[in-house]
């Protein structure tokens, strides 16, 4: 984890529905890319944290969004750091080949939101943010790269809007 230089960090969740189980030979190229891509993320400028299952190197066995859905939950210092890792690193090869392993998305599959630096998001929080984005579209509490908000806008929005009831 890098030092908390910023007052807020960017949390991100993305979900992907597998076409085949992870132990299927058709998914093997994706599985082979996991360790190198995760290592690259861990060492990327601006990386803070990523969800992993206890005792493992990744979160692929966690299935909080469905048996055939894998999740990726990370925290970054800035949107630029996340963008650079996603689109300007070895991760891009995974993005280019995603149709080989994952169903095409028909609804939002990625959500971004701001959290106080030093706090880590829970998977339940992340799934709630994705549900909010899907139900209500982008807002300062749940947004995307193309419809983004600053940490200041998110803070201002949260102060103006009463908390949601569970």
N, C-alpha and C. Protein backbone atom coordinates (compact mmCIF):
# COMPACT_ATOMS: atom_id res chain seq x y z
N UNK A 1 0.85 -1.17 0.00
CA UNK A 1 0.00 0.00 0.00
C UNK A 1 0.89 1.23 0.00
N UNK A 2 0.58 2.20 -0.84
CA UNK A 2 1.35 3.43 -0.88
C UNK A 2 0.86 4.37 0.20
N UNK A 3 1.66 5.34 0.52
CA UNK A 3 1.29 6.30 1.55
C UNK A 3 0.08 7.11 1.11
N UNK A 4 -0.76 7.44 2.06
CA UNK A 4 -1.96 8.21 1.77
C UNK A 4 -1.58 9.67 1.60
N UNK A 5 -1.26 10.07 0.38
CA UNK A 5 -0.85 11.43 0.07
C UNK A 5 -2.08 12.31 -0.14
N UNK A 6 -3.14 11.73 -0.66
CA UNK A 6 -4.35 12.46 -0.99
C UNK A 6 -5.38 12.29 0.12
N UNK A 7 -6.29 13.27 0.24
CA UNK A 7 -7.35 13.19 1.25
C UNK A 7 -8.37 12.12 0.89
N UNK A 8 -8.50 11.85 -0.40
CA UNK A 8 -9.46 10.85 -0.86
C UNK A 8 -8.77 9.96 -1.89
N UNK A 9 -9.21 8.72 -1.93
CA UNK A 9 -8.73 7.77 -2.92
C UNK A 9 -9.91 7.30 -3.76
N UNK A 10 -9.60 6.78 -4.92
CA UNK A 10 -10.62 6.30 -5.85
C UNK A 10 -10.77 4.79 -5.71
N UNK A 11 -11.97 4.36 -5.37
CA UNK A 11 -12.29 2.93 -5.33
C UNK A 11 -12.89 2.54 -6.68
N UNK A 12 -12.62 1.31 -7.08
CA UNK A 12 -13.18 0.82 -8.35
C UNK A 12 -13.56 -0.63 -8.20
N UNK A 13 -14.71 -0.94 -8.74
CA UNK A 13 -15.18 -2.32 -8.83
C UNK A 13 -15.50 -2.60 -10.28
N UNK A 14 -15.05 -3.74 -10.77
CA UNK A 14 -15.56 -4.21 -12.05
C UNK A 14 -15.90 -5.68 -11.90
N UNK A 15 -16.92 -6.08 -12.62
CA UNK A 15 -17.40 -7.45 -12.59
C UNK A 15 -17.38 -8.01 -14.00
N UNK A 16 -17.19 -9.31 -14.10
CA UNK A 16 -17.16 -9.97 -15.40
C UNK A 16 -17.81 -11.34 -15.28
N UNK A 17 -18.70 -11.65 -16.20
CA UNK A 17 -19.38 -12.94 -16.20
C UNK A 17 -18.60 -13.91 -17.09
N UNK A 18 -18.12 -14.98 -16.47
CA UNK A 18 -17.31 -15.97 -17.18
C UNK A 18 -18.14 -16.72 -18.23
N UNK A 19 -17.53 -16.95 -19.38
CA UNK A 19 -18.13 -17.83 -20.38
C UNK A 19 -17.94 -19.29 -20.01
N UNK A 20 -16.83 -19.58 -19.32
CA UNK A 20 -16.47 -20.94 -18.93
C UNK A 20 -15.84 -20.87 -17.54
N UNK A 21 -15.88 -21.96 -16.77
CA UNK A 21 -15.24 -21.95 -15.45
C UNK A 21 -13.74 -21.63 -15.55
N UNK A 22 -13.18 -21.15 -14.46
CA UNK A 22 -11.76 -20.80 -14.46
C UNK A 22 -10.85 -21.99 -14.72
N UNK A 23 -11.30 -23.20 -14.40
CA UNK A 23 -10.46 -24.37 -14.64
C UNK A 23 -10.67 -24.99 -16.02
N UNK A 24 -11.48 -24.35 -16.85
CA UNK A 24 -11.71 -24.80 -18.22
C UNK A 24 -10.51 -24.40 -19.08
N UNK A 25 -10.04 -25.27 -19.97
CA UNK A 25 -8.89 -24.93 -20.82
C UNK A 25 -9.10 -23.65 -21.66
N UNK A 26 -10.36 -23.34 -21.99
CA UNK A 26 -10.63 -22.13 -22.78
C UNK A 26 -10.37 -20.86 -21.98
N UNK A 27 -10.34 -20.97 -20.67
CA UNK A 27 -10.11 -19.81 -19.80
C UNK A 27 -8.65 -19.76 -19.34
N UNK A 28 -7.87 -20.78 -19.65
CA UNK A 28 -6.48 -20.87 -19.19
C UNK A 28 -5.64 -19.63 -19.54
N UNK A 29 -5.75 -19.07 -20.74
CA UNK A 29 -4.93 -17.88 -21.02
C UNK A 29 -5.22 -16.71 -20.07
N UNK A 30 -6.48 -16.54 -19.71
CA UNK A 30 -6.82 -15.49 -18.73
C UNK A 30 -6.19 -15.80 -17.38
N UNK A 31 -6.36 -17.03 -16.92
CA UNK A 31 -5.81 -17.43 -15.62
C UNK A 31 -4.29 -17.24 -15.60
N UNK A 32 -3.63 -17.56 -16.71
CA UNK A 32 -2.17 -17.40 -16.79
C UNK A 32 -1.75 -15.94 -16.71
N UNK A 33 -2.62 -15.02 -17.11
CA UNK A 33 -2.30 -13.59 -17.06
C UNK A 33 -2.56 -12.98 -15.69
N UNK A 34 -3.31 -13.66 -14.84
CA UNK A 34 -3.68 -13.07 -13.55
C UNK A 34 -2.49 -12.65 -12.70
N UNK A 35 -1.56 -13.55 -12.45
CA UNK A 35 -0.44 -13.22 -11.57
C UNK A 35 0.41 -12.07 -12.11
N UNK A 36 0.80 -12.09 -13.39
CA UNK A 36 1.59 -10.96 -13.88
C UNK A 36 0.84 -9.63 -13.85
N UNK A 37 -0.43 -9.66 -14.19
CA UNK A 37 -1.21 -8.41 -14.18
C UNK A 37 -1.40 -7.92 -12.75
N UNK A 38 -1.69 -8.82 -11.83
CA UNK A 38 -1.84 -8.40 -10.43
C UNK A 38 -0.52 -7.87 -9.87
N UNK A 39 0.58 -8.48 -10.21
CA UNK A 39 1.89 -7.99 -9.77
C UNK A 39 2.15 -6.60 -10.34
N UNK A 40 1.81 -6.41 -11.61
CA UNK A 40 1.98 -5.09 -12.23
C UNK A 40 1.12 -4.05 -11.51
N UNK A 41 -0.11 -4.42 -11.17
CA UNK A 41 -0.98 -3.49 -10.44
C UNK A 41 -0.38 -3.15 -9.09
N UNK A 42 0.06 -4.16 -8.37
CA UNK A 42 0.63 -3.95 -7.04
C UNK A 42 1.81 -2.98 -7.06
N UNK A 43 2.52 -2.89 -8.18
CA UNK A 43 3.69 -2.03 -8.29
C UNK A 43 3.44 -0.78 -9.13
N UNK A 44 2.22 -0.59 -9.59
CA UNK A 44 1.91 0.56 -10.44
C UNK A 44 1.89 1.85 -9.63
N UNK A 45 2.35 2.95 -10.22
CA UNK A 45 2.26 4.23 -9.53
C UNK A 45 0.80 4.55 -9.18
N UNK A 46 0.56 4.95 -7.95
CA UNK A 46 -0.79 5.32 -7.53
C UNK A 46 -1.64 4.18 -7.01
N UNK A 47 -1.14 2.94 -7.11
CA UNK A 47 -1.90 1.80 -6.58
C UNK A 47 -1.89 1.85 -5.06
N UNK A 48 -3.05 1.53 -4.45
CA UNK A 48 -3.17 1.52 -3.00
C UNK A 48 -3.47 0.11 -2.48
N UNK A 49 -4.46 -0.57 -3.04
CA UNK A 49 -4.94 -1.84 -2.48
C UNK A 49 -5.79 -2.57 -3.50
N UNK A 50 -5.84 -3.91 -3.36
CA UNK A 50 -6.79 -4.72 -4.14
C UNK A 50 -7.31 -5.84 -3.26
N UNK A 51 -8.54 -6.21 -3.51
CA UNK A 51 -9.19 -7.29 -2.79
C UNK A 51 -8.56 -8.63 -3.19
N UNK A 52 -8.23 -9.43 -2.19
CA UNK A 52 -7.78 -10.81 -2.43
C UNK A 52 -8.49 -11.70 -1.41
N UNK A 53 -8.71 -12.92 -1.80
CA UNK A 53 -9.28 -13.89 -0.87
C UNK A 53 -8.18 -14.31 0.10
N UNK A 54 -8.53 -14.48 1.37
CA UNK A 54 -7.55 -14.89 2.38
C UNK A 54 -6.80 -16.12 1.91
N UNK A 55 -5.48 -16.06 1.99
CA UNK A 55 -4.64 -17.20 1.65
C UNK A 55 -4.39 -17.39 0.17
N UNK A 56 -4.86 -16.44 -0.67
CA UNK A 56 -4.66 -16.56 -2.11
C UNK A 56 -4.05 -15.26 -2.64
N UNK A 57 -3.70 -15.27 -3.92
CA UNK A 57 -3.08 -14.10 -4.54
C UNK A 57 -4.08 -13.22 -5.28
N UNK A 58 -5.34 -13.66 -5.36
CA UNK A 58 -6.33 -12.87 -6.09
C UNK A 58 -7.72 -13.09 -5.50
N UNK A 59 -8.73 -12.54 -6.16
CA UNK A 59 -10.10 -12.63 -5.66
C UNK A 59 -11.00 -13.47 -6.55
N UNK A 60 -10.41 -14.27 -7.44
CA UNK A 60 -11.24 -14.99 -8.41
C UNK A 60 -12.16 -16.03 -7.79
N UNK A 61 -11.83 -16.54 -6.61
CA UNK A 61 -12.70 -17.54 -5.98
C UNK A 61 -13.87 -16.89 -5.24
N UNK A 62 -13.78 -15.59 -4.97
CA UNK A 62 -14.89 -14.89 -4.32
C UNK A 62 -15.99 -14.68 -5.34
N UNK A 63 -17.21 -14.99 -5.00
CA UNK A 63 -18.31 -14.87 -5.96
C UNK A 63 -19.51 -14.15 -5.35
N UNK A 64 -19.34 -12.94 -4.83
CA UNK A 64 -20.44 -12.23 -4.19
C UNK A 64 -21.49 -11.71 -5.17
N UNK A 65 -21.20 -11.72 -6.46
CA UNK A 65 -22.16 -11.21 -7.45
C UNK A 65 -22.77 -12.32 -8.28
N UNK A 66 -22.53 -13.57 -7.93
CA UNK A 66 -23.06 -14.70 -8.68
C UNK A 66 -21.98 -15.73 -8.93
N UNK A 67 -22.39 -16.97 -9.09
CA UNK A 67 -21.44 -18.08 -9.21
C UNK A 67 -20.52 -17.96 -10.41
N UNK A 68 -20.99 -17.34 -11.49
CA UNK A 68 -20.16 -17.23 -12.70
C UNK A 68 -19.60 -15.82 -12.90
N UNK A 69 -19.68 -14.99 -11.87
CA UNK A 69 -19.22 -13.60 -11.96
C UNK A 69 -17.98 -13.42 -11.08
N UNK A 70 -16.89 -12.97 -11.69
CA UNK A 70 -15.70 -12.63 -10.90
C UNK A 70 -15.68 -11.12 -10.66
N UNK A 71 -15.06 -10.73 -9.56
CA UNK A 71 -15.01 -9.32 -9.18
C UNK A 71 -13.57 -8.86 -9.04
N UNK A 72 -13.37 -7.59 -9.30
CA UNK A 72 -12.08 -6.94 -9.10
C UNK A 72 -12.36 -5.64 -8.37
N UNK A 73 -11.86 -5.52 -7.15
CA UNK A 73 -12.07 -4.34 -6.32
C UNK A 73 -10.71 -3.79 -5.95
N UNK A 74 -10.46 -2.54 -6.33
CA UNK A 74 -9.16 -1.92 -6.06
C UNK A 74 -9.35 -0.49 -5.58
N UNK A 75 -8.26 0.06 -5.04
CA UNK A 75 -8.22 1.46 -4.61
C UNK A 75 -6.97 2.09 -5.21
N UNK A 76 -7.13 3.31 -5.71
CA UNK A 76 -6.06 4.05 -6.37
C UNK A 76 -5.99 5.47 -5.82
N UNK A 77 -4.83 6.08 -5.90
CA UNK A 77 -4.68 7.45 -5.42
C UNK A 77 -5.45 8.44 -6.28
N UNK A 78 -5.46 8.20 -7.59
CA UNK A 78 -6.11 9.14 -8.51
C UNK A 78 -6.76 8.38 -9.67
N UNK A 79 -7.72 9.02 -10.35
CA UNK A 79 -8.27 8.40 -11.55
C UNK A 79 -7.22 8.19 -12.64
N UNK A 80 -6.27 9.12 -12.72
CA UNK A 80 -5.22 9.01 -13.74
C UNK A 80 -4.36 7.77 -13.51
N UNK A 81 -4.07 7.47 -12.25
CA UNK A 81 -3.27 6.28 -11.95
C UNK A 81 -4.01 5.01 -12.37
N UNK A 82 -5.30 4.95 -12.08
CA UNK A 82 -6.10 3.79 -12.50
C UNK A 82 -6.18 3.72 -14.01
N UNK A 83 -6.42 4.84 -14.67
CA UNK A 83 -6.50 4.88 -16.13
C UNK A 83 -5.21 4.39 -16.77
N UNK A 84 -4.08 4.91 -16.25
CA UNK A 84 -2.79 4.51 -16.81
C UNK A 84 -2.56 3.00 -16.66
N UNK A 85 -2.88 2.45 -15.51
CA UNK A 85 -2.71 1.01 -15.34
C UNK A 85 -3.64 0.24 -16.28
N UNK A 86 -4.89 0.66 -16.35
CA UNK A 86 -5.89 -0.05 -17.14
C UNK A 86 -5.57 -0.04 -18.63
N UNK A 87 -5.17 1.11 -19.14
CA UNK A 87 -5.04 1.28 -20.59
C UNK A 87 -3.62 1.51 -21.09
N UNK A 88 -2.65 1.59 -20.20
CA UNK A 88 -1.27 1.83 -20.65
C UNK A 88 -0.28 0.86 -20.00
N UNK A 89 -0.74 -0.36 -19.76
CA UNK A 89 0.14 -1.38 -19.16
C UNK A 89 -0.22 -2.74 -19.76
N UNK A 90 0.38 -3.78 -19.23
CA UNK A 90 0.08 -5.14 -19.68
C UNK A 90 -1.38 -5.52 -19.47
N UNK A 91 -2.09 -4.78 -18.64
CA UNK A 91 -3.51 -5.03 -18.42
C UNK A 91 -4.30 -4.85 -19.71
N UNK A 92 -3.82 -4.00 -20.59
CA UNK A 92 -4.54 -3.75 -21.84
C UNK A 92 -4.71 -5.02 -22.66
N UNK A 93 -3.75 -5.93 -22.62
CA UNK A 93 -3.87 -7.19 -23.35
C UNK A 93 -5.07 -8.00 -22.85
N UNK A 94 -5.29 -8.00 -21.55
CA UNK A 94 -6.47 -8.68 -21.00
C UNK A 94 -7.73 -8.01 -21.53
N UNK A 95 -7.74 -6.69 -21.54
CA UNK A 95 -8.91 -5.95 -22.04
C UNK A 95 -9.18 -6.30 -23.51
N UNK A 96 -8.15 -6.36 -24.30
CA UNK A 96 -8.31 -6.67 -25.73
C UNK A 96 -8.88 -8.07 -25.95
N UNK A 97 -8.56 -9.00 -25.06
CA UNK A 97 -8.97 -10.39 -25.25
C UNK A 97 -10.19 -10.78 -24.41
N UNK A 98 -10.81 -9.85 -23.73
CA UNK A 98 -11.88 -10.17 -22.77
C UNK A 98 -13.05 -10.94 -23.38
N UNK A 99 -13.35 -10.76 -24.65
CA UNK A 99 -14.47 -11.47 -25.27
C UNK A 99 -14.21 -12.98 -25.37
N UNK A 100 -12.97 -13.39 -25.27
CA UNK A 100 -12.65 -14.82 -25.28
C UNK A 100 -13.11 -15.50 -23.99
N UNK A 101 -13.19 -14.71 -22.89
CA UNK A 101 -13.42 -15.31 -21.57
C UNK A 101 -14.69 -14.83 -20.88
N UNK A 102 -15.21 -13.67 -21.29
CA UNK A 102 -16.32 -13.06 -20.56
C UNK A 102 -17.48 -12.71 -21.49
N UNK A 103 -18.68 -12.77 -20.92
CA UNK A 103 -19.87 -12.35 -21.67
C UNK A 103 -19.80 -10.85 -21.94
N UNK A 104 -20.46 -10.44 -23.01
CA UNK A 104 -20.56 -9.01 -23.32
C UNK A 104 -21.49 -8.37 -22.28
N UNK A 105 -21.12 -7.21 -21.81
CA UNK A 105 -21.91 -6.53 -20.79
C UNK A 105 -23.14 -5.88 -21.40
N UNK A 106 -24.27 -6.05 -20.73
CA UNK A 106 -25.50 -5.38 -21.17
C UNK A 106 -25.88 -4.26 -20.20
N UNK A 107 -25.20 -4.20 -19.08
CA UNK A 107 -25.40 -3.11 -18.13
C UNK A 107 -24.04 -2.74 -17.55
N UNK A 108 -24.01 -1.69 -16.77
CA UNK A 108 -22.75 -1.22 -16.21
C UNK A 108 -22.01 -2.35 -15.51
N UNK A 109 -20.72 -2.44 -15.77
CA UNK A 109 -19.88 -3.48 -15.16
C UNK A 109 -18.73 -2.88 -14.35
N UNK A 110 -18.57 -1.57 -14.43
CA UNK A 110 -17.50 -0.87 -13.71
C UNK A 110 -18.10 0.32 -13.00
N UNK A 111 -17.70 0.51 -11.76
CA UNK A 111 -18.14 1.67 -11.00
C UNK A 111 -16.96 2.25 -10.23
N UNK A 112 -16.91 3.56 -10.17
CA UNK A 112 -15.89 4.29 -9.43
C UNK A 112 -16.57 5.14 -8.37
N UNK A 113 -15.90 5.34 -7.23
CA UNK A 113 -16.40 6.25 -6.20
C UNK A 113 -15.25 6.65 -5.31
N UNK A 114 -15.41 7.78 -4.65
CA UNK A 114 -14.37 8.30 -3.77
C UNK A 114 -14.56 7.80 -2.35
N UNK A 115 -13.43 7.49 -1.69
CA UNK A 115 -13.44 7.09 -0.28
C UNK A 115 -12.37 7.89 0.44
N UNK A 116 -12.51 8.08 1.74
CA UNK A 116 -11.44 8.76 2.48
C UNK A 116 -10.14 7.95 2.40
N UNK A 117 -9.03 8.64 2.20
CA UNK A 117 -7.73 7.96 2.17
C UNK A 117 -7.54 7.20 3.47
N UNK A 118 -7.06 5.97 3.35
CA UNK A 118 -6.83 5.14 4.53
C UNK A 118 -7.97 4.19 4.84
N UNK A 119 -9.13 4.38 4.22
CA UNK A 119 -10.26 3.46 4.42
C UNK A 119 -10.34 2.53 3.22
N UNK A 120 -10.64 1.27 3.47
CA UNK A 120 -10.80 0.30 2.39
C UNK A 120 -12.28 -0.02 2.21
N UNK A 121 -12.73 -0.13 0.97
CA UNK A 121 -14.13 -0.45 0.73
C UNK A 121 -14.43 -1.92 0.96
N UNK A 122 -15.65 -2.21 1.35
CA UNK A 122 -16.08 -3.61 1.46
C UNK A 122 -16.68 -4.05 0.13
N UNK A 123 -16.76 -5.33 -0.08
CA UNK A 123 -17.38 -5.84 -1.30
C UNK A 123 -18.86 -5.49 -1.32
N UNK A 124 -19.52 -5.49 -0.16
CA UNK A 124 -20.93 -5.11 -0.11
C UNK A 124 -21.12 -3.65 -0.53
N UNK A 125 -20.25 -2.78 -0.04
CA UNK A 125 -20.30 -1.37 -0.44
C UNK A 125 -20.11 -1.24 -1.95
N UNK A 126 -19.14 -1.97 -2.48
CA UNK A 126 -18.84 -1.90 -3.90
C UNK A 126 -20.03 -2.37 -4.75
N UNK A 127 -20.64 -3.46 -4.35
CA UNK A 127 -21.80 -3.96 -5.11
C UNK A 127 -22.98 -3.00 -5.00
N UNK A 128 -23.13 -2.34 -3.86
CA UNK A 128 -24.20 -1.34 -3.70
C UNK A 128 -23.95 -0.15 -4.63
N UNK A 129 -22.69 0.27 -4.76
CA UNK A 129 -22.36 1.39 -5.66
C UNK A 129 -22.65 1.00 -7.11
N UNK A 130 -22.33 -0.24 -7.49
CA UNK A 130 -22.63 -0.70 -8.84
C UNK A 130 -24.13 -0.73 -9.06
N UNK A 131 -24.89 -1.21 -8.09
CA UNK A 131 -26.35 -1.23 -8.20
C UNK A 131 -26.90 0.19 -8.34
N UNK A 132 -26.34 1.12 -7.60
CA UNK A 132 -26.76 2.53 -7.68
C UNK A 132 -26.50 3.08 -9.08
N UNK A 133 -25.32 2.81 -9.62
CA UNK A 133 -24.99 3.27 -10.97
C UNK A 133 -25.96 2.67 -11.98
N UNK A 134 -26.22 1.39 -11.86
CA UNK A 134 -27.14 0.73 -12.80
C UNK A 134 -28.56 1.29 -12.70
N UNK A 135 -29.00 1.58 -11.48
CA UNK A 135 -30.38 2.05 -11.29
C UNK A 135 -30.56 3.53 -11.60
N UNK A 136 -29.54 4.35 -11.28
CA UNK A 136 -29.72 5.80 -11.34
C UNK A 136 -28.79 6.52 -12.29
N UNK A 137 -27.87 5.80 -12.90
CA UNK A 137 -26.91 6.46 -13.78
C UNK A 137 -25.80 7.11 -12.96
N UNK A 138 -24.84 7.72 -13.65
CA UNK A 138 -23.70 8.32 -12.96
C UNK A 138 -24.10 9.47 -12.04
N UNK A 139 -23.44 9.52 -10.91
CA UNK A 139 -23.62 10.60 -9.94
C UNK A 139 -22.32 10.71 -9.16
N UNK A 140 -22.17 11.72 -8.31
CA UNK A 140 -20.94 11.81 -7.53
C UNK A 140 -20.72 10.62 -6.59
N UNK A 141 -21.75 9.80 -6.34
CA UNK A 141 -21.56 8.65 -5.45
C UNK A 141 -21.26 7.36 -6.19
N UNK A 142 -21.47 7.32 -7.51
CA UNK A 142 -21.21 6.13 -8.32
C UNK A 142 -21.09 6.58 -9.77
N UNK A 143 -19.88 6.47 -10.33
CA UNK A 143 -19.67 7.02 -11.66
C UNK A 143 -18.72 6.13 -12.46
N UNK A 144 -18.37 6.58 -13.66
CA UNK A 144 -17.50 5.84 -14.56
C UNK A 144 -16.37 6.75 -15.04
N UNK A 145 -15.46 6.22 -15.82
CA UNK A 145 -14.41 7.05 -16.41
C UNK A 145 -15.01 8.14 -17.29
N UNK A 146 -16.04 7.79 -18.06
CA UNK A 146 -16.60 8.76 -19.01
C UNK A 146 -17.54 9.77 -18.36
N UNK A 147 -18.05 9.47 -17.19
CA UNK A 147 -18.93 10.38 -16.45
C UNK A 147 -18.37 10.51 -15.04
N UNK A 148 -17.22 11.15 -14.92
CA UNK A 148 -16.54 11.16 -13.63
C UNK A 148 -16.81 12.43 -12.83
N UNK A 149 -16.51 12.34 -11.56
CA UNK A 149 -16.66 13.44 -10.61
C UNK A 149 -15.40 13.53 -9.77
N UNK A 150 -15.10 14.71 -9.30
CA UNK A 150 -13.95 14.90 -8.43
C UNK A 150 -14.30 14.48 -7.01
N UNK A 151 -13.28 14.31 -6.20
CA UNK A 151 -13.52 14.01 -4.78
C UNK A 151 -14.28 15.14 -4.12
N UNK A 152 -13.98 16.38 -4.49
CA UNK A 152 -14.68 17.54 -3.92
C UNK A 152 -16.16 17.51 -4.29
N UNK A 153 -16.48 17.16 -5.53
CA UNK A 153 -17.88 17.06 -5.94
C UNK A 153 -18.59 15.95 -5.18
N UNK A 154 -17.92 14.83 -4.97
CA UNK A 154 -18.52 13.72 -4.22
C UNK A 154 -18.79 14.13 -2.78
N UNK A 155 -17.82 14.80 -2.15
CA UNK A 155 -17.99 15.25 -0.77
C UNK A 155 -19.15 16.23 -0.67
N UNK A 156 -19.19 17.16 -1.59
CA UNK A 156 -20.28 18.16 -1.61
C UNK A 156 -21.63 17.47 -1.79
N UNK A 157 -21.70 16.50 -2.68
CA UNK A 157 -22.94 15.77 -2.93
C UNK A 157 -23.38 15.00 -1.68
N UNK A 158 -22.44 14.32 -1.03
CA UNK A 158 -22.78 13.54 0.15
C UNK A 158 -23.25 14.42 1.30
N UNK A 159 -22.73 15.63 1.39
CA UNK A 159 -23.17 16.55 2.44
C UNK A 159 -24.56 17.09 2.16
N UNK A 160 -24.92 17.19 0.88
CA UNK A 160 -26.22 17.76 0.50
C UNK A 160 -27.34 16.73 0.46
N UNK A 161 -26.99 15.47 0.34
CA UNK A 161 -28.01 14.42 0.19
C UNK A 161 -28.07 13.62 1.49
N UNK A 162 -29.29 13.44 2.03
CA UNK A 162 -29.39 12.62 3.26
C UNK A 162 -28.97 11.18 2.99
N UNK A 163 -28.43 10.50 4.00
CA UNK A 163 -28.00 9.11 3.81
C UNK A 163 -29.17 8.23 3.39
N UNK A 164 -28.87 7.22 2.56
CA UNK A 164 -29.91 6.27 2.11
C UNK A 164 -30.22 5.30 3.22
N UNK A 165 -31.47 4.93 3.30
CA UNK A 165 -31.90 3.95 4.29
C UNK A 165 -31.63 2.56 3.77
N UNK A 166 -31.14 1.65 4.63
CA UNK A 166 -30.86 0.28 4.18
C UNK A 166 -32.12 -0.47 3.83
